[in-house]
Amino acid sequence: MENQSPTLTILKKVDEFFLISEIFASRKMAAMLALGFSAGLPIMLVYTTLSAWLREVGVSRTAIGFFIWVSFAYSLKFLWAPLTDRVRIPILADKIGNRLAWTFVAIIGVVISMVAMGFQDPSQNLQNVAICAIFIAFFSATLDICVDAWRVDAGEDKEQATLAAVYQLGYRFGMILAISGVLWVAQTTSWNIAYWCVAAIALVGASTPFWASRTPEPEAKPFKDIKWSRFAIIIPIIAVVLIFKKYADIGDLFYLILTVLALPFVFAAGLLIWGKTALSGSAIYEMPIVGDFADIVRRYGWLTLLILLIVMTYRISDYTMGVMAMPLYIDLGYDKGTIGQVKGLFGVVMLMVGAFAGGWSAVKFGLPRTLIVGAFLTIVTNLAFAWLAQIEAPLTHYLLVTIGADNLAAGFAGTAIIAFMSLLTNKDFTATQYALFSSLVAFSGKSLAGFSGALADMIDYQNFFIVTAMFGLPPLIAVIVSWQINLLERGKAKKAGQGSI
């Protein structure tokens, strides 16, 4: 076999890493890349880049912090996900299939919401900006539902890993454009034009459902057959938002969020006190959400409280400090172009490196040790932001060090907690239990992150990042305890109906 030239060797490595041959050899893979790109594009527009826009026009850090609650749509998407299976899109569903029809509708919803955002001026009407952000997040979360379902339906078992890799690749490209591209266009033109440009790119992505592979789908039920009670939880959520929007101040809302965060612990403790009688019958396991939760309690007993502590606090430090990172860069004097290049391109690459490093560590050293390292890195990299906050000169290499370290730690810790939640699930309830865990992670983190701006206004940036670093101590202690008591092995062999409390 002849030796390949260095150039060909490099090209082969690039091809293997970015799956270029795999993607362009299959319409299915190409569609997965395009759909992943479309799904990854909107999320940063209601999170990172929106924070930069708001801070630049003088919106207070307190108000910016509350905008994180817009992303609750991604945590609560399981509430309306069944609609995409049960309700058919008229006309379009017959042409391209109901799954892809919903995908098209979701993309168009994102595009319209982006265009509407481009007409807003946050310095004049912050409420309209919030409404547009809510619609972007809602349609983006719906798009996530559709793309995830299409990926599972479209691929055979042996293709799922490759499809997932291609999806992640497209998703990261979308994130890079939403950060680097938007900030660069905003720097050279305006924020309004930046959002319109992204909307135009997203509109191109709307063509994907028309050439992607149509998948087998469940028969849609008529409206009268849908169990709308499954969506009844939306009603109290809307009611709480409206009530507190009208009557409550920040203190009241803070106590409400703490109460909501305490509910899983109270519910778990209640099931444990109720005991074997409550968990012995099969009826409880057939109940949506409650049954999945009950199975976890039955298998792990009182250790469920430790599991909840880990799941609900492991990423709180990252979530809380993340909202204020972009306002910090703006206030330190970094221009949008530099932020976009460092955070968008370099930052996403470091995030991917961290994710792969977390996976390698879990295989090499075991998941418990990897969880401990991830929790420790989160604390250290939060302190790096405290260091950055006290440096007055806006030098790019300071930004590279801080963002690079933070994204590396975030990718590492993200892989660790995903693996942890995956191992906790009972394979009889895999999809719903994992969705429950992931929703708890996001909901708890984003609930408290909404107050990050108020905290930053009270104690300044440097002290704020020191405090958020300290938020990482409870999960660090919790994962050390879980390692010492061999938590993962305790519920591994137990199935629903076999465990004991």
Protein backbone atom coordinates (compact mmCIF):
# COMPACT_ATOMS: atom_id res chain seq x y z
CA MET A 1 0.00 0.00 0.00
CA GLU A 2 1.46 3.33 -1.06
CA ASN A 3 2.03 5.99 1.53
CA GLN A 4 -0.45 8.83 1.30
CA SER A 5 0.72 12.41 1.06
CA PRO A 6 0.35 14.57 4.19
CA THR A 7 -2.35 16.61 2.42
CA LEU A 8 -4.44 13.54 1.62
CA THR A 9 -4.00 12.27 5.16
CA ILE A 10 -5.25 15.57 6.59
CA LEU A 11 -8.21 15.62 4.18
CA LYS A 12 -9.09 12.06 5.19
CA LYS A 13 -9.02 13.00 8.88
CA VAL A 14 -11.25 16.03 8.20
CA ASP A 15 -13.62 13.81 6.23
CA GLU A 16 -13.80 11.29 9.08
CA PHE A 17 -14.35 13.95 11.74
CA PHE A 18 -17.04 15.93 9.89
CA LEU A 19 -18.61 12.82 8.30
CA ILE A 20 -18.50 14.51 4.88
CA SER A 21 -18.60 11.29 2.84
CA GLU A 22 -21.39 9.89 5.04
CA ILE A 23 -23.49 13.04 4.64
CA PHE A 24 -23.20 13.59 0.92
CA ALA A 25 -23.58 9.91 0.09
CA SER A 26 -27.08 9.79 1.60
CA ARG A 27 -30.09 12.08 1.20
CA LYS A 28 -31.13 11.04 4.69
CA MET A 29 -27.84 12.18 6.21
CA ALA A 30 -27.88 15.43 4.24
CA ALA A 31 -31.40 16.12 5.50
CA MET A 32 -30.28 15.36 9.05
CA LEU A 33 -27.46 17.91 8.74
CA ALA A 34 -29.85 20.54 7.41
CA LEU A 35 -32.49 19.86 10.06
CA GLY A 36 -29.84 19.90 12.81
CA PHE A 37 -28.65 23.28 11.52
CA SER A 38 -32.22 24.62 11.52
CA ALA A 39 -32.75 23.37 15.09
CA GLY A 40 -29.48 24.86 16.40
CA LEU A 41 -30.03 28.30 14.86
CA PRO A 42 -32.81 29.86 17.01
CA ILE A 43 -31.81 28.94 20.58
CA MET A 44 -28.91 31.39 20.80
CA LEU A 45 -31.14 34.19 19.49
CA VAL A 46 -33.18 34.12 22.70
CA TYR A 47 -30.20 33.52 24.96
CA THR A 48 -26.67 34.70 24.19
CA THR A 49 -27.07 37.22 21.34
CA LEU A 50 -30.27 38.70 22.74
CA SER A 51 -28.47 39.41 26.02
CA ALA A 52 -25.78 41.32 24.11
CA TRP A 53 -28.39 43.42 22.27
CA LEU A 54 -30.29 44.22 25.44
CA ARG A 55 -27.18 45.24 27.35
CA GLU A 56 -25.90 47.39 24.50
CA VAL A 57 -29.05 49.51 24.50
CA GLY A 58 -28.90 49.93 28.27
CA VAL A 59 -31.39 47.35 29.54
CA SER A 60 -30.68 46.56 33.18
CA ARG A 61 -28.99 43.32 34.16
CA THR A 62 -32.02 42.46 36.28
CA ALA A 63 -34.32 42.58 33.24
CA ILE A 64 -31.81 40.63 31.12
CA GLY A 65 -31.70 37.91 33.76
CA PHE A 66 -35.46 37.45 33.62
CA PHE A 67 -35.25 36.82 29.87
CA ILE A 68 -33.77 33.38 30.58
CA TRP A 69 -37.29 32.29 31.50
CA VAL A 70 -38.19 32.54 27.82
CA SER A 71 -36.20 29.33 27.33
CA PHE A 72 -38.61 27.42 29.60
CA ALA A 73 -40.23 26.41 26.31
CA TYR A 74 -37.37 23.94 25.81
CA SER A 75 -37.95 22.47 29.28
CA LEU A 76 -41.72 22.16 28.92
CA LYS A 77 -41.93 20.97 25.33
CA PHE A 78 -42.99 17.50 26.46
CA LEU A 79 -46.37 19.05 27.32
CA TRP A 80 -47.35 19.67 23.69
CA ALA A 81 -45.13 17.07 22.01
CA PRO A 82 -48.02 14.55 21.73
CA LEU A 83 -49.87 17.02 19.49
CA THR A 84 -47.29 16.51 16.75
CA ASP A 85 -48.16 12.82 16.69
CA ARG A 86 -51.91 13.19 17.03
CA VAL A 87 -52.88 16.28 15.01
CA ARG A 88 -52.47 16.36 11.22
CA ILE A 89 -51.49 19.49 9.34
CA PRO A 90 -54.16 19.94 6.63
CA ILE A 91 -53.08 19.40 3.00
CA LEU A 92 -49.35 19.46 3.77
CA ALA A 93 -49.46 16.21 5.75
CA ASP A 94 -50.79 14.37 2.68
CA LYS A 95 -47.99 15.76 0.50
CA ILE A 96 -44.87 15.23 2.62
CA GLY A 97 -46.08 13.36 5.71
CA ASN A 98 -47.32 14.75 9.00
CA ARG A 99 -43.92 14.63 10.74
CA LEU A 100 -42.26 16.79 8.08
CA ALA A 101 -45.37 18.97 7.80
CA TRP A 102 -45.02 19.87 11.48
CA THR A 103 -41.31 20.49 10.90
CA PHE A 104 -42.13 22.94 8.10
CA VAL A 105 -44.72 24.75 10.24
CA ALA A 106 -42.24 25.04 13.12
CA ILE A 107 -39.51 26.50 10.86
CA ILE A 108 -41.95 29.01 9.35
CA GLY A 109 -43.02 29.97 12.87
CA VAL A 110 -39.37 30.58 13.80
CA VAL A 111 -38.83 32.67 10.64
CA ILE A 112 -41.88 34.88 11.23
CA SER A 113 -40.90 35.38 14.87
CA MET A 114 -37.34 36.38 13.87
CA VAL A 115 -38.65 38.86 11.31
CA ALA A 116 -40.94 40.34 13.95
CA MET A 117 -38.00 40.60 16.36
CA GLY A 118 -36.10 42.56 13.73
CA PHE A 119 -38.75 45.29 13.84
CA GLN A 120 -38.39 45.78 17.60
CA ASP A 121 -36.43 48.33 19.58
CA PRO A 122 -35.67 47.06 23.10
CA SER A 123 -34.84 50.55 24.30
CA GLN A 124 -38.41 51.63 23.51
CA ASN A 125 -40.59 48.57 24.05
CA LEU A 126 -39.04 45.70 25.97
CA GLN A 127 -42.39 43.91 26.29
CA ASN A 128 -42.65 43.41 22.51
CA VAL A 129 -39.12 42.02 22.46
CA ALA A 130 -40.11 39.53 25.18
CA ILE A 131 -43.19 38.44 23.21
CA CYS A 132 -41.12 37.86 20.06
CA ALA A 133 -38.53 35.93 22.08
CA ILE A 134 -41.28 33.72 23.54
CA PHE A 135 -42.56 32.89 20.07
CA ILE A 136 -39.05 32.13 18.78
CA ALA A 137 -38.48 29.80 21.74
CA PHE A 138 -41.88 28.11 21.37
CA PHE A 139 -41.50 27.36 17.65
CA SER A 140 -37.84 26.42 18.17
CA ALA A 141 -38.78 23.92 20.90
CA THR A 142 -41.49 22.51 18.60
CA LEU A 143 -38.87 22.16 15.88
CA ASP A 144 -36.67 20.21 18.31
CA ILE A 145 -39.58 17.83 18.95
CA CYS A 146 -40.11 17.24 15.24
CA VAL A 147 -36.44 16.84 14.32
CA ASP A 148 -35.78 14.41 17.18
CA ALA A 149 -38.79 12.34 16.16
CA TRP A 150 -37.79 12.36 12.49
CA ARG A 151 -34.26 11.23 13.39
CA VAL A 152 -35.56 8.24 15.36
CA ASP A 153 -38.16 7.31 12.74
CA ALA A 154 -35.95 7.78 9.68
CA GLY A 155 -32.99 5.64 10.70
CA GLU A 156 -32.52 1.98 11.35
CA ASP A 157 -30.96 0.98 14.66
CA LYS A 158 -27.48 0.75 13.14
CA GLU A 159 -27.84 4.28 11.70
CA GLN A 160 -28.90 6.03 14.89
CA ALA A 161 -25.39 6.80 16.13
CA THR A 162 -24.36 8.30 12.79
CA LEU A 163 -27.60 10.27 12.51
CA ALA A 164 -27.09 11.62 16.03
CA ALA A 165 -23.52 12.67 15.18
CA VAL A 166 -24.64 14.41 11.98
CA TYR A 167 -27.45 16.10 13.89
CA GLN A 168 -25.00 17.42 16.52
CA LEU A 169 -22.70 18.65 13.76
CA GLY A 170 -25.50 20.59 12.08
CA TYR A 171 -26.74 21.88 15.43
CA ARG A 172 -23.32 23.26 16.33
CA PHE A 173 -22.99 24.95 12.94
CA GLY A 174 -26.35 26.61 13.60
CA MET A 175 -25.13 27.81 16.99
CA ILE A 176 -21.93 29.21 15.48
CA LEU A 177 -23.91 31.22 12.92
CA ALA A 178 -26.36 32.42 15.58
CA ILE A 179 -23.48 33.77 17.69
CA SER A 180 -20.58 34.70 15.39
CA GLY A 181 -22.68 35.52 12.33
CA VAL A 182 -25.30 37.56 14.15
CA LEU A 183 -22.77 39.53 16.19
CA TRP A 184 -20.68 40.27 13.09
CA VAL A 185 -23.69 41.49 11.08
CA ALA A 186 -24.88 43.54 14.08
CA GLN A 187 -21.39 45.07 14.35
CA THR A 188 -21.26 46.04 10.68
CA THR A 189 -24.93 47.00 10.19
CA SER A 190 -27.55 46.77 12.95
CA TRP A 191 -29.25 44.27 15.23
CA ASN A 192 -32.44 44.50 13.21
CA ILE A 193 -30.71 43.50 9.99
CA ALA A 194 -28.87 40.72 11.83
CA TYR A 195 -32.16 39.09 12.86
CA TRP A 196 -33.59 39.49 9.37
CA CYS A 197 -30.49 37.84 7.86
CA VAL A 198 -30.84 34.86 10.16
CA ALA A 199 -34.56 34.68 9.32
CA ALA A 200 -33.65 34.53 5.61
CA ILE A 201 -31.19 31.68 6.24
CA ALA A 202 -33.78 29.85 8.34
CA LEU A 203 -36.28 30.26 5.47
CA VAL A 204 -33.87 28.39 3.18
CA GLY A 205 -33.92 25.58 5.74
CA ALA A 206 -37.70 25.41 5.36
CA SER A 207 -37.15 23.62 2.05
CA THR A 208 -35.66 20.58 3.81
CA PRO A 209 -38.98 18.89 4.71
CA PHE A 210 -39.84 18.78 1.00
CA TRP A 211 -36.82 16.67 0.02
CA ALA A 212 -36.13 14.77 3.26
CA SER A 213 -37.14 11.12 3.51
CA ARG A 214 -40.75 10.57 4.53
CA THR A 215 -41.04 8.29 7.55
CA PRO A 216 -43.70 5.84 8.79
CA GLU A 217 -46.07 7.61 11.16
CA PRO A 218 -48.76 6.68 13.67
CA GLU A 219 -52.31 7.29 12.57
CA ALA A 220 -53.44 10.69 13.74
CA LYS A 221 -56.46 10.73 16.02
CA PRO A 222 -59.31 13.21 15.59
CA PHE A 223 -59.52 16.06 18.09
CA LYS A 224 -62.34 14.42 20.01
CA ASP A 225 -60.14 11.39 20.80
CA ILE A 226 -57.21 13.38 22.18
CA LYS A 227 -56.85 13.30 25.96
CA TRP A 228 -56.59 17.01 26.48
CA SER A 229 -56.22 16.46 30.23
CA ARG A 230 -52.54 15.69 29.52
CA PHE A 231 -52.09 19.35 28.67
CA ALA A 232 -54.06 20.70 31.64
CA ILE A 233 -50.80 21.53 33.44
CA ILE A 234 -50.34 24.40 30.99
CA ILE A 235 -53.33 26.20 32.50
CA PRO A 236 -51.85 26.76 36.01
CA ILE A 237 -48.50 27.72 34.45
CA ILE A 238 -50.17 30.44 32.38
CA ALA A 239 -52.23 31.53 35.39
CA VAL A 240 -49.14 31.86 37.60
CA VAL A 241 -47.31 33.91 34.97
CA LEU A 242 -50.24 36.29 34.52
CA ILE A 243 -50.85 36.70 38.26
CA PHE A 244 -47.23 37.46 39.10
CA LYS A 245 -46.84 39.71 36.06
CA LYS A 246 -49.64 41.86 37.41
CA TYR A 247 -49.26 41.70 41.19
CA ALA A 248 -45.95 40.32 42.39
CA ASP A 249 -42.56 41.84 42.97
CA ILE A 250 -39.21 40.07 42.62
CA GLY A 251 -39.25 38.77 46.19
CA ASP A 252 -42.64 37.11 45.79
CA LEU A 253 -41.59 35.52 42.51
CA PHE A 254 -38.39 34.25 44.08
CA TYR A 255 -40.33 32.44 46.82
CA LEU A 256 -42.68 31.00 44.21
CA ILE A 257 -39.75 29.56 42.23
CA LEU A 258 -38.21 28.07 45.38
CA THR A 259 -41.56 26.44 46.17
CA VAL A 260 -41.77 24.94 42.69
CA LEU A 261 -38.19 23.65 42.96
CA ALA A 262 -39.00 22.01 46.29
CA LEU A 263 -41.99 20.11 44.89
CA PRO A 264 -40.01 17.12 43.47
CA PHE A 265 -38.34 16.60 46.86
CA VAL A 266 -41.67 16.87 48.69
CA PHE A 267 -43.30 14.46 46.24
CA ALA A 268 -40.48 11.93 46.55
CA ALA A 269 -40.54 12.13 50.34
CA GLY A 270 -44.31 11.71 50.28
CA LEU A 271 -44.09 8.52 48.24
CA LEU A 272 -41.43 7.15 50.56
CA ILE A 273 -43.46 7.91 53.68
CA TRP A 274 -46.53 6.44 52.01
CA GLY A 275 -44.44 3.31 51.62
CA LYS A 276 -44.85 -0.04 49.98
CA THR A 277 -48.62 0.12 49.88
CA ALA A 278 -48.54 3.10 47.53
CA LEU A 279 -45.90 1.59 45.26
CA SER A 280 -47.00 -2.02 45.18
CA GLY A 281 -49.86 -1.74 42.68
CA SER A 282 -49.23 -1.49 38.96
CA ALA A 283 -51.80 1.29 38.45
CA ILE A 284 -49.47 4.01 39.73
CA TYR A 285 -46.83 3.15 37.08
CA GLU A 286 -49.35 3.66 34.29
CA MET A 287 -49.94 7.29 35.28
CA PRO A 288 -48.09 9.86 33.11
CA ILE A 289 -45.10 11.48 34.88
CA VAL A 290 -46.24 10.26 38.34
CA GLY A 291 -45.67 6.62 37.37
CA ASP A 292 -42.20 7.32 35.99
CA PHE A 293 -41.29 9.23 39.13
CA ALA A 294 -42.70 6.46 41.35
CA ASP A 295 -40.50 3.87 39.63
CA ILE A 296 -37.40 5.93 40.43
CA VAL A 297 -38.46 6.25 44.07
CA ARG A 298 -39.15 2.53 44.31
CA ARG A 299 -35.75 1.53 42.94
CA TYR A 300 -33.64 4.00 44.90
CA GLY A 301 -35.69 4.62 48.04
CA TRP A 302 -34.45 7.53 50.14
CA LEU A 303 -31.48 7.90 47.79
CA THR A 304 -33.96 9.46 45.35
CA LEU A 305 -33.49 12.68 47.31
CA LEU A 306 -29.74 12.54 46.64
CA ILE A 307 -30.43 11.86 42.95
CA LEU A 308 -32.74 14.87 42.78
CA LEU A 309 -30.12 17.03 44.49
CA ILE A 310 -27.51 16.06 41.88
CA VAL A 311 -29.82 16.37 38.87
CA MET A 312 -31.31 19.70 39.91
CA THR A 313 -28.08 21.42 41.02
CA TYR A 314 -25.32 20.01 38.81
CA ARG A 315 -25.73 22.70 36.11
CA ILE A 316 -27.19 25.53 38.23
CA SER A 317 -23.82 27.28 38.47
CA ASP A 318 -23.45 27.30 34.67
CA TYR A 319 -27.03 28.37 34.02
CA THR A 320 -26.91 31.19 36.57
CA MET A 321 -23.64 32.74 35.46
CA GLY A 322 -24.26 32.14 31.73
CA VAL A 323 -26.92 34.84 31.41
CA MET A 324 -24.56 37.53 32.68
CA ALA A 325 -21.53 36.49 30.62
CA MET A 326 -22.56 38.45 27.52
CA PRO A 327 -23.46 41.65 29.44
CA LEU A 328 -20.05 41.37 31.12
CA TYR A 329 -18.25 41.30 27.75
CA ILE A 330 -20.22 44.33 26.56
CA ASP A 331 -19.59 46.31 29.75
CA LEU A 332 -15.86 45.51 29.64
CA GLY A 333 -15.67 47.10 26.19
CA TYR A 334 -15.29 44.08 23.89
CA ASP A 335 -16.79 44.74 20.45
CA LYS A 336 -19.44 42.42 19.04
CA GLY A 337 -17.20 41.12 16.26
CA THR A 338 -14.54 39.92 18.70
CA ILE A 339 -17.13 38.36 21.01
CA GLY A 340 -18.71 36.58 18.06
CA GLN A 341 -15.43 35.11 16.85
CA VAL A 342 -14.29 33.95 20.28
CA LYS A 343 -17.59 32.75 21.73
CA GLY A 344 -19.21 31.54 18.52
CA LEU A 345 -16.43 29.76 16.65
CA PHE A 346 -13.72 29.09 19.24
CA GLY A 347 -16.21 28.60 22.07
CA VAL A 348 -18.31 26.01 20.25
CA VAL A 349 -15.18 24.09 19.21
CA MET A 350 -14.04 24.01 22.85
CA LEU A 351 -17.53 22.88 23.87
CA MET A 352 -17.24 19.92 21.50
CA VAL A 353 -13.73 19.12 22.77
CA GLY A 354 -15.02 19.18 26.33
CA ALA A 355 -17.92 16.89 25.42
CA PHE A 356 -15.58 14.33 23.85
CA ALA A 357 -13.21 14.63 26.83
CA GLY A 358 -16.10 13.94 29.20
CA GLY A 359 -17.02 10.81 27.26
CA TRP A 360 -13.41 9.61 27.22
CA SER A 361 -13.07 10.23 30.97
CA ALA A 362 -16.25 8.28 31.73
CA VAL A 363 -14.91 5.28 29.80
CA LYS A 364 -11.36 5.54 31.16
CA PHE A 365 -11.94 6.47 34.79
CA GLY A 366 -15.63 5.75 35.39
CA LEU A 367 -18.66 8.01 35.55
CA PRO A 368 -18.54 8.84 39.29
CA ARG A 369 -15.02 10.31 39.02
CA THR A 370 -16.01 12.12 35.82
CA LEU A 371 -18.98 13.73 37.60
CA ILE A 372 -16.65 14.93 40.36
CA VAL A 373 -14.18 16.41 37.88
CA GLY A 374 -17.01 18.09 35.95
CA ALA A 375 -18.40 19.69 39.12
CA PHE A 376 -14.92 20.89 40.14
CA LEU A 377 -14.18 22.36 36.69
CA THR A 378 -17.48 24.24 36.78
CA ILE A 379 -16.46 25.97 40.01
CA VAL A 380 -12.98 26.87 38.73
CA THR A 381 -14.20 28.27 35.40
CA ASN A 382 -16.82 30.42 37.15
CA LEU A 383 -13.97 31.92 39.14
CA ALA A 384 -12.24 32.65 35.81
CA PHE A 385 -15.10 35.06 35.03
CA ALA A 386 -14.54 36.76 38.38
CA TRP A 387 -10.90 37.21 37.30
CA LEU A 388 -11.97 38.61 33.92
CA ALA A 389 -14.40 41.04 35.56
CA GLN A 390 -11.58 42.87 37.39
CA ILE A 391 -9.40 43.33 34.27
CA GLU A 392 -10.17 46.71 32.72
CA ALA A 393 -8.28 46.33 29.42
CA PRO A 394 -10.46 44.44 26.87
CA LEU A 395 -7.71 42.20 25.46
CA THR A 396 -8.76 39.32 23.23
CA HIS A 397 -6.47 36.72 24.79
CA TYR A 398 -8.17 37.22 28.16
CA LEU A 399 -11.48 36.45 26.47
CA LEU A 400 -10.00 33.38 24.77
CA VAL A 401 -8.79 31.95 28.07
CA THR A 402 -12.04 32.58 29.94
CA ILE A 403 -14.48 31.45 27.25
CA GLY A 404 -12.29 28.52 26.23
CA ALA A 405 -12.04 27.23 29.80
CA ASP A 406 -15.75 27.75 30.47
CA ASN A 407 -16.91 25.96 27.32
CA LEU A 408 -14.46 23.11 27.86
CA ALA A 409 -15.85 22.63 31.38
CA ALA A 410 -19.46 22.98 30.18
CA GLY A 411 -18.98 20.31 27.51
CA PHE A 412 -17.26 17.98 29.99
CA ALA A 413 -19.90 18.45 32.70
CA GLY A 414 -22.72 18.23 30.16
CA THR A 415 -21.58 14.83 28.94
CA ALA A 416 -21.18 13.64 32.54
CA ILE A 417 -24.69 14.59 33.66
CA ILE A 418 -26.26 13.20 30.46
CA ALA A 419 -24.53 9.86 31.06
CA PHE A 420 -25.57 9.93 34.73
CA MET A 421 -29.24 10.51 33.90
CA SER A 422 -29.12 7.83 31.21
CA LEU A 423 -27.86 5.23 33.68
CA LEU A 424 -30.52 6.18 36.22
CA THR A 425 -33.38 5.42 33.85
CA ASN A 426 -35.25 2.14 33.91
CA LYS A 427 -35.34 0.68 30.39
CA ASP A 428 -39.05 0.01 30.85
CA PHE A 429 -39.53 3.80 31.02
CA THR A 430 -36.46 5.08 29.15
CA ALA A 431 -37.90 7.92 27.09
CA THR A 432 -40.19 9.40 29.69
CA GLN A 433 -37.82 9.05 32.66
CA TYR A 434 -34.96 10.65 30.75
CA ALA A 435 -37.26 13.48 29.62
CA LEU A 436 -38.25 13.95 33.27
CA PHE A 437 -34.63 14.14 34.43
CA SER A 438 -33.58 16.51 31.62
CA SER A 439 -36.59 18.76 32.30
CA LEU A 440 -35.65 18.95 35.99
CA VAL A 441 -32.07 19.94 35.07
CA ALA A 442 -33.20 22.73 32.77
CA PHE A 443 -36.13 23.94 34.87
CA SER A 444 -34.21 24.21 38.12
CA GLY A 445 -31.24 25.92 36.49
CA LYS A 446 -33.25 28.41 34.46
CA SER A 447 -35.63 29.20 37.33
CA LEU A 448 -32.84 30.54 39.52
CA ALA A 449 -30.91 31.95 36.54
CA GLY A 450 -33.76 34.40 36.03
CA PHE A 451 -32.58 36.22 39.16
CA SER A 452 -28.95 36.39 38.00
CA GLY A 453 -29.30 39.96 36.76
CA ALA A 454 -30.80 41.16 40.03
CA LEU A 455 -27.95 39.49 41.91
CA ALA A 456 -25.34 41.05 39.61
CA ASP A 457 -26.88 44.49 40.13
CA MET A 458 -26.70 44.02 43.90
CA ILE A 459 -23.10 42.79 44.28
CA ASP A 460 -21.26 43.69 41.01
CA TYR A 461 -19.81 41.30 38.42
CA GLN A 462 -16.75 40.03 40.31
CA ASN A 463 -18.65 39.05 43.45
CA PHE A 464 -21.49 37.69 41.32
CA PHE A 465 -19.24 35.14 39.61
CA ILE A 466 -17.68 34.18 42.94
CA VAL A 467 -21.18 33.49 44.29
CA THR A 468 -22.19 31.46 41.21
CA ALA A 469 -18.99 29.45 41.61
CA MET A 470 -20.09 28.63 45.16
CA PHE A 471 -23.38 27.32 43.72
CA GLY A 472 -21.26 24.45 42.45
CA LEU A 473 -20.31 23.23 45.94
CA PRO A 474 -23.58 21.36 46.78
CA PRO A 475 -23.47 19.21 43.60
CA LEU A 476 -19.75 18.59 44.10
CA ILE A 477 -20.39 17.28 47.61
CA ALA A 478 -23.42 15.31 46.39
CA VAL A 479 -21.50 13.50 43.62
CA ILE A 480 -18.65 12.69 46.01
CA VAL A 481 -21.21 11.12 48.38
CA SER A 482 -22.83 9.21 45.49
CA TRP A 483 -19.41 7.83 44.55
CA GLN A 484 -18.67 6.73 48.11
CA ILE A 485 -21.99 4.87 48.50
CA ASN A 486 -21.87 3.41 44.96
CA LEU A 487 -25.21 5.01 44.07
CA LEU A 488 -25.46 3.91 40.43
CA GLU A 489 -25.11 0.22 41.25
CA ARG A 490 -27.85 0.27 43.89
CA GLY A 491 -30.74 0.67 41.48
CA LYS A 492 -29.12 -0.81 38.38
CA ALA A 493 -30.41 -4.36 38.75
CA LYS A 494 -33.85 -3.45 40.02
CA LYS A 495 -36.86 -3.25 37.73
CA ALA A 496 -40.21 -1.64 38.25
CA GLY A 497 -42.17 -3.80 40.65
CA GLN A 498 -39.09 -5.51 42.10
CA GLY A 499 -37.49 -2.79 44.12
CA SER A 500 -38.14 -1.97 47.70
CA ILE A 501 -38.09 1.06 49.86
